Amino acid sequence: GGEVTGRTPDGRRVAAMIERGGYAERVA
């Protein structure tokens, strides 16, 4: 998984590209 959308701990809604790790409940 290389892409996610969700919220940061401070409530911001973001969309992000990553190398791996997107198929998860949480990702850095």
PDB file of all heavy atoms in Angstrom:
ATOM      1  N   GLY A   1       0.815  -1.210   0.000  1.00  0.00           N
ATOM      2  CA  GLY A   1       0.000   0.000   0.000  1.00  0.00           C
ATOM      3  C   GLY A   1       0.844   1.252   0.000  1.00  0.00           C
ATOM      4  O   GLY A   1       1.625   1.469   0.936  1.00  0.00           O
ATOM      5  N   GLY A   2       0.680   2.083  -1.035  1.00  0.00           N
ATOM      6  CA  GLY A   2       1.503   3.270  -1.180  1.00  0.00           C
ATOM      7  C   GLY A   2       0.766   4.579  -1.041  1.00  0.00           C
ATOM      8  O   GLY A   2       1.347   5.640  -1.282  1.00  0.00           O
ATOM      9  N   GLU A   3      -0.506   4.546  -0.607  1.00  0.00           N
ATOM     10  CA  GLU A   3      -1.265   5.800  -0.511  1.00  0.00           C
ATOM     11  C   GLU A   3      -2.383   5.646   0.509  1.00  0.00           C
ATOM     12  O   GLU A   3      -3.025   4.593   0.589  1.00  0.00           O
ATOM     13  CB  GLU A   3      -1.827   6.190  -1.878  1.00  0.00           C
ATOM     14  CG  GLU A   3      -2.563   5.075  -2.568  1.00  0.00           C
ATOM     15  CD  GLU A   3      -3.007   5.416  -3.985  1.00  0.00           C
ATOM     16  OE1 GLU A   3      -2.610   6.460  -4.518  1.00  0.00           O
ATOM     17  OE2 GLU A   3      -3.781   4.616  -4.548  1.00  0.00           O
ATOM     18  N   VAL A   4      -2.590   6.699   1.278  1.00  0.00           N
ATOM     19  CA  VAL A   4      -3.615   6.691   2.325  1.00  0.00           C
ATOM     20  C   VAL A   4      -4.238   8.070   2.443  1.00  0.00           C
ATOM     21  O   VAL A   4      -3.640   9.088   2.066  1.00  0.00           O
ATOM     22  CB  VAL A   4      -3.033   6.298   3.708  1.00  0.00           C
ATOM     23  CG1 VAL A   4      -2.478   4.881   3.684  1.00  0.00           C
ATOM     24  CG2 VAL A   4      -1.969   7.289   4.165  1.00  0.00           C
ATOM     25  N   THR A   5      -5.438   8.094   3.009  1.00  0.00           N
ATOM     26  CA  THR A   5      -6.018   9.345   3.475  1.00  0.00           C
ATOM     27  C   THR A   5      -6.573   9.103   4.869  1.00  0.00           C
ATOM     28  O   THR A   5      -6.987   7.989   5.203  1.00  0.00           O
ATOM     29  CB  THR A   5      -7.117   9.859   2.526  1.00  0.00           C
ATOM     30  OG1 THR A   5      -7.486  11.184   2.917  1.00  0.00           O
ATOM     31  CG2 THR A   5      -8.348   8.974   2.552  1.00  0.00           C
ATOM     32  N   GLY A   6      -6.548  10.128   5.684  1.00  0.00           N
ATOM     33  CA  GLY A   6      -7.013   9.985   7.061  1.00  0.00           C
ATOM     34  C   GLY A   6      -6.729  11.254   7.839  1.00  0.00           C
ATOM     35  O   GLY A   6      -6.572  12.339   7.258  1.00  0.00           O
ATOM     36  N   ARG A   7      -6.664  11.121   9.156  1.00  0.00           N
ATOM     37  CA  ARG A   7      -6.456  12.286  10.016  1.00  0.00           C
ATOM     38  C   ARG A   7      -5.212  12.124  10.870  1.00  0.00           C
ATOM     39  O   ARG A   7      -4.882  11.027  11.318  1.00  0.00           O
ATOM     40  CB  ARG A   7      -7.676  12.526  10.909  1.00  0.00           C
ATOM     41  CG  ARG A   7      -8.909  12.968  10.136  1.00  0.00           C
ATOM     42  CD  ARG A   7      -9.995  13.493  11.042  1.00  0.00           C
ATOM     43  NE  ARG A   7     -11.177  13.886  10.279  1.00  0.00           N
ATOM     44  CZ  ARG A   7     -11.348  15.093   9.733  1.00  0.00           C
ATOM     45  NH1 ARG A   7     -10.421  16.020   9.905  1.00  0.00           N
ATOM     46  NH2 ARG A   7     -12.445  15.374   9.056  1.00  0.00           N
ATOM     47  N   THR A   8      -4.552  13.241  11.113  1.00  0.00           N
ATOM     48  CA  THR A   8      -3.406  13.287  12.002  1.00  0.00           C
ATOM     49  C   THR A   8      -3.907  13.432  13.446  1.00  0.00           C
ATOM     50  O   THR A   8      -5.083  13.753  13.671  1.00  0.00           O
ATOM     51  CB  THR A   8      -2.505  14.471  11.647  1.00  0.00           C
ATOM     52  OG1 THR A   8      -3.254  15.687  11.805  1.00  0.00           O
ATOM     53  CG2 THR A   8      -2.017  14.362  10.200  1.00  0.00           C
ATOM     54  N   PRO A   9      -3.039  13.212  14.446  1.00  0.00           N
ATOM     55  CA  PRO A   9      -3.488  13.345  15.838  1.00  0.00           C
ATOM     56  C   PRO A   9      -4.075  14.708  16.182  1.00  0.00           C
ATOM     57  O   PRO A   9      -4.922  14.811  17.078  1.00  0.00           O
ATOM     58  CB  PRO A   9      -2.203  13.080  16.636  1.00  0.00           C
ATOM     59  CG  PRO A   9      -1.404  12.175  15.747  1.00  0.00           C
ATOM     60  CD  PRO A   9      -1.675  12.665  14.350  1.00  0.00           C
ATOM     61  N   ASP A  10      -3.660  15.755  15.460  1.00  0.00           N
ATOM     62  CA  ASP A  10      -4.223  17.085  15.738  1.00  0.00           C
ATOM     63  C   ASP A  10      -5.468  17.383  14.912  1.00  0.00           C
ATOM     64  O   ASP A  10      -5.950  18.518  14.880  1.00  0.00           O
ATOM     65  CB  ASP A  10      -3.167  18.175  15.525  1.00  0.00           C
ATOM     66  CG  ASP A  10      -2.630  18.210  14.107  1.00  0.00           C
ATOM     67  OD1 ASP A  10      -3.101  17.415  13.258  1.00  0.00           O
ATOM     68  OD2 ASP A  10      -1.726  19.027  13.826  1.00  0.00           O
ATOM     69  N   GLY A  11      -6.000  16.358  14.210  1.00  0.00           N
ATOM     70  CA  GLY A  11      -7.277  16.503  13.524  1.00  0.00           C
ATOM     71  C   GLY A  11      -7.212  16.939  12.079  1.00  0.00           C
ATOM     72  O   GLY A  11      -8.260  17.077  11.432  1.00  0.00           O
ATOM     73  N   ARG A  12      -6.024  17.171  11.547  1.00  0.00           N
ATOM     74  CA  ARG A  12      -5.922  17.585  10.148  1.00  0.00           C
ATOM     75  C   ARG A  12      -6.240  16.407   9.220  1.00  0.00           C
ATOM     76  O   ARG A  12      -5.810  15.286   9.461  1.00  0.00           O
ATOM     77  CB  ARG A  12      -4.519  18.105   9.833  1.00  0.00           C
ATOM     78  CG  ARG A  12      -4.190  19.428  10.469  1.00  0.00           C
ATOM     79  CD  ARG A  12      -2.784  19.883  10.082  1.00  0.00           C
ATOM     80  NE  ARG A  12      -1.766  18.975  10.590  1.00  0.00           N
ATOM     81  CZ  ARG A  12      -0.870  18.339   9.839  1.00  0.00           C
ATOM     82  NH1 ARG A  12      -0.887  18.503   8.517  1.00  0.00           N
ATOM     83  NH2 ARG A  12       0.033  17.551  10.382  1.00  0.00           N
ATOM     84  N   ARG A  13      -6.986  16.694   8.161  1.00  0.00           N
ATOM     85  CA  ARG A  13      -7.291  15.676   7.162  1.00  0.00           C
ATOM     86  C   ARG A  13      -6.242  15.764   6.065  1.00  0.00           C
ATOM     87  O   ARG A  13      -6.037  16.815   5.455  1.00  0.00           O
ATOM     88  CB  ARG A  13      -8.690  15.908   6.605  1.00  0.00           C
ATOM     89  CG  ARG A  13      -9.222  14.760   5.759  1.00  0.00           C
ATOM     90  CD  ARG A  13     -10.724  14.874   5.592  1.00  0.00           C
ATOM     91  NE  ARG A  13     -11.194  13.886   4.635  1.00  0.00           N
ATOM     92  CZ  ARG A  13     -11.764  14.164   3.472  1.00  0.00           C
ATOM     93  NH1 ARG A  13     -11.964  15.433   3.127  1.00  0.00           N
ATOM     94  NH2 ARG A  13     -12.140  13.211   2.657  1.00  0.00           N
ATOM     95  N   VAL A  14      -5.554  14.627   5.805  1.00  0.00           N
ATOM     96  CA  VAL A  14      -4.454  14.627   4.849  1.00  0.00           C
ATOM     97  C   VAL A  14      -4.560  13.414   3.930  1.00  0.00           C
ATOM     98  O   VAL A  14      -5.231  12.421   4.234  1.00  0.00           O
ATOM     99  CB  VAL A  14      -3.075  14.612   5.556  1.00  0.00           C
ATOM    100  CG1 VAL A  14      -2.889  15.856   6.422  1.00  0.00           C
ATOM    101  CG2 VAL A  14      -2.893  13.338   6.376  1.00  0.00           C
ATOM    102  N   ALA A  15      -3.861  13.517   2.806  1.00  0.00           N
ATOM    103  CA  ALA A  15      -3.655  12.388   1.902  1.00  0.00           C
ATOM    104  C   ALA A  15      -2.153  12.284   1.690  1.00  0.00           C
ATOM    105  O   ALA A  15      -1.472  13.305   1.545  1.00  0.00           O
ATOM    106  CB  ALA A  15      -4.369  12.615   0.574  1.00  0.00           C
ATOM    107  N   ALA A  16      -1.631  11.058   1.691  1.00  0.00           N
ATOM    108  CA  ALA A  16      -0.176  10.916   1.672  1.00  0.00           C
ATOM    109  C   ALA A  16       0.261   9.718   0.844  1.00  0.00           C
ATOM    110  O   ALA A  16      -0.386   8.666   0.843  1.00  0.00           O
ATOM    111  CB  ALA A  16       0.367  10.780   3.097  1.00  0.00           C
ATOM    112  N   MET A  17       1.395   9.913   0.166  1.00  0.00           N
ATOM    113  CA  MET A  17       2.078   8.833  -0.539  1.00  0.00           C
ATOM    114  C   MET A  17       3.200   8.299   0.357  1.00  0.00           C
ATOM    115  O   MET A  17       3.894   9.064   1.017  1.00  0.00           O
ATOM    116  CB  MET A  17       2.698   9.355  -1.836  1.00  0.00           C
ATOM    117  CG  MET A  17       1.699   9.706  -2.901  1.00  0.00           C
ATOM    118  SD  MET A  17       1.017   8.256  -3.713  1.00  0.00           S
ATOM    119  CE  MET A  17       2.479   7.560  -4.472  1.00  0.00           C
ATOM    120  N   ILE A  18       3.357   6.982   0.344  1.00  0.00           N
ATOM    121  CA  ILE A  18       4.414   6.330   1.106  1.00  0.00           C
ATOM    122  C   ILE A  18       4.992   5.207   0.266  1.00  0.00           C
ATOM    123  O   ILE A  18       4.391   4.777  -0.719  1.00  0.00           O
ATOM    124  CB  ILE A  18       3.882   5.763   2.444  1.00  0.00           C
ATOM    125  CG1 ILE A  18       2.605   4.951   2.198  1.00  0.00           C
ATOM    126  CG2 ILE A  18       3.659   6.856   3.460  1.00  0.00           C
ATOM    127  CD1 ILE A  18       2.025   4.327   3.437  1.00  0.00           C
ATOM    128  N   GLU A  19       6.166   4.721   0.647  1.00  0.00           N
ATOM    129  CA  GLU A  19       6.773   3.630  -0.108  1.00  0.00           C
ATOM    130  C   GLU A  19       6.022   2.325   0.116  1.00  0.00           C
ATOM    131  O   GLU A  19       5.712   1.595  -0.823  1.00  0.00           O
ATOM    132  CB  GLU A  19       8.241   3.467   0.285  1.00  0.00           C
ATOM    133  CG  GLU A  19       8.972   2.425  -0.548  1.00  0.00           C
ATOM    134  CD  GLU A  19      10.438   2.325  -0.209  1.00  0.00           C
ATOM    135  OE1 GLU A  19      10.910   3.112   0.631  1.00  0.00           O
ATOM    136  OE2 GLU A  19      11.123   1.455  -0.784  1.00  0.00           O
ATOM    137  N   ARG A  20       5.710   2.029   1.375  1.00  0.00           N
ATOM    138  CA  ARG A  20       4.962   0.825   1.750  1.00  0.00           C
ATOM    139  C   ARG A  20       4.177   1.137   3.015  1.00  0.00           C
ATOM    140  O   ARG A  20       4.383   2.149   3.655  1.00  0.00           O
ATOM    141  CB  ARG A  20       5.921  -0.348   2.056  1.00  0.00           C
ATOM    142  CG  ARG A  20       6.964  -0.589   0.987  1.00  0.00           C
ATOM    143  CD  ARG A  20       6.733  -1.850   0.198  1.00  0.00           C
ATOM    144  NE  ARG A  20       7.531  -1.831  -1.023  1.00  0.00           N
ATOM    145  CZ  ARG A  20       8.805  -2.176  -1.095  1.00  0.00           C
ATOM    146  NH1 ARG A  20       9.439  -2.573  -0.022  1.00  0.00           N
ATOM    147  NH2 ARG A  20       9.445  -2.138  -2.250  1.00  0.00           N
ATOM    148  N   GLY A  21       3.277   0.212   3.411  1.00  0.00           N
ATOM    149  CA  GLY A  21       2.632   0.310   4.713  1.00  0.00           C
ATOM    150  C   GLY A  21       1.222   0.846   4.732  1.00  0.00           C
ATOM    151  O   GLY A  21       0.628   1.000   5.798  1.00  0.00           O
ATOM    152  N   GLY A  22       0.635   1.108   3.561  1.00  0.00           N
ATOM    153  CA  GLY A  22      -0.666   1.754   3.520  1.00  0.00           C
ATOM    154  C   GLY A  22      -1.847   0.882   3.892  1.00  0.00           C
ATOM    155  O   GLY A  22      -2.890   1.396   4.298  1.00  0.00           O
ATOM    156  N   TYR A  23      -1.736  -0.441   3.741  1.00  0.00           N
ATOM    157  CA  TYR A  23      -2.850  -1.330   4.081  1.00  0.00           C
ATOM    158  C   TYR A  23      -2.861  -1.547   5.597  1.00  0.00           C
ATOM    159  O   TYR A  23      -2.562  -2.617   6.115  1.00  0.00           O
ATOM    160  CB  TYR A  23      -2.691  -2.693   3.425  1.00  0.00           C
ATOM    161  CG  TYR A  23      -2.851  -2.789   1.926  1.00  0.00           C
ATOM    162  CD1 TYR A  23      -2.902  -1.684   1.092  1.00  0.00           C
ATOM    163  CD2 TYR A  23      -2.937  -4.050   1.330  1.00  0.00           C
ATOM    164  CE1 TYR A  23      -3.048  -1.820  -0.275  1.00  0.00           C
ATOM    165  CE2 TYR A  23      -3.082  -4.196  -0.048  1.00  0.00           C
ATOM    166  CZ  TYR A  23      -3.130  -3.075  -0.843  1.00  0.00           C
ATOM    167  OH  TYR A  23      -3.259  -3.225  -2.202  1.00  0.00           O
ATOM    168  N   ALA A  24      -3.219  -0.524   6.351  1.00  0.00           N
ATOM    169  CA  ALA A  24      -3.144  -0.601   7.811  1.00  0.00           C
ATOM    170  C   ALA A  24      -4.071   0.433   8.428  1.00  0.00           C
ATOM    171  O   ALA A  24      -4.498   1.386   7.773  1.00  0.00           O
ATOM    172  CB  ALA A  24      -1.707  -0.366   8.281  1.00  0.00           C
ATOM    173  N   GLU A  25      -4.367   0.227   9.719  1.00  0.00           N
ATOM    174  CA  GLU A  25      -5.202   1.188  10.430  1.00  0.00           C
ATOM    175  C   GLU A  25      -4.453   2.482  10.723  1.00  0.00           C
ATOM    176  O   GLU A  25      -5.055   3.554  10.790  1.00  0.00           O
ATOM    177  CB  GLU A  25      -5.694   0.586  11.738  1.00  0.00           C
ATOM    178  CG  GLU A  25      -6.710  -0.524  11.555  1.00  0.00           C
ATOM    179  CD  GLU A  25      -7.194  -1.081  12.881  1.00  0.00           C
ATOM    180  OE1 GLU A  25      -6.353  -1.420  13.735  1.00  0.00           O
ATOM    181  OE2 GLU A  25      -8.427  -1.170  13.054  1.00  0.00           O
ATOM    182  N   ARG A  26      -3.150   2.392  10.904  1.00  0.00           N
ATOM    183  CA  ARG A  26      -2.329   3.566  11.175  1.00  0.00           C
ATOM    184  C   ARG A  26      -1.021   3.448  10.405  1.00  0.00           C
ATOM    185  O   ARG A  26      -0.493   2.347  10.211  1.00  0.00           O
ATOM    186  CB  ARG A  26      -2.039   3.693  12.686  1.00  0.00           C
ATOM    187  CG  ARG A  26      -3.233   4.204  13.481  1.00  0.00           C
ATOM    188  CD  ARG A  26      -2.999   4.135  14.966  1.00  0.00           C
ATOM    189  NE  ARG A  26      -3.087   2.768  15.477  1.00  0.00           N
ATOM    190  CZ  ARG A  26      -4.232   2.129  15.709  1.00  0.00           C
ATOM    191  NH1 ARG A  26      -5.390   2.714  15.455  1.00  0.00           N
ATOM    192  NH2 ARG A  26      -4.222   0.912  16.194  1.00  0.00           N
ATOM    193  N   VAL A  27      -0.486   4.604  10.012  1.00  0.00           N
ATOM    194  CA  VAL A  27       0.767   4.604   9.273  1.00  0.00           C
ATOM    195  C   VAL A  27       1.510   5.908   9.554  1.00  0.00           C
ATOM    196  O   VAL A  27       0.890   6.960   9.761  1.00  0.00           O
ATOM    197  CB  VAL A  27       0.513   4.430   7.756  1.00  0.00           C
ATOM    198  CG1 VAL A  27      -0.291   5.589   7.200  1.00  0.00           C
ATOM    199  CG2 VAL A  27       1.813   4.254   6.994  1.00  0.00           C
ATOM    200  N   ALA A  28       2.830   5.820   9.616  1.00  0.00           N
ATOM    201  CA  ALA A  28       3.672   7.005   9.751  1.00  0.00           C
ATOM    202  C   ALA A  28       4.107   7.433   8.360  1.00  0.00           C
ATOM    203  O   ALA A  28       4.639   6.630   7.587  1.00  0.00           O
ATOM    204  CB  ALA A  28       4.887   6.703  10.621  1.00  0.00           C
TER     205      ALA A  28
END
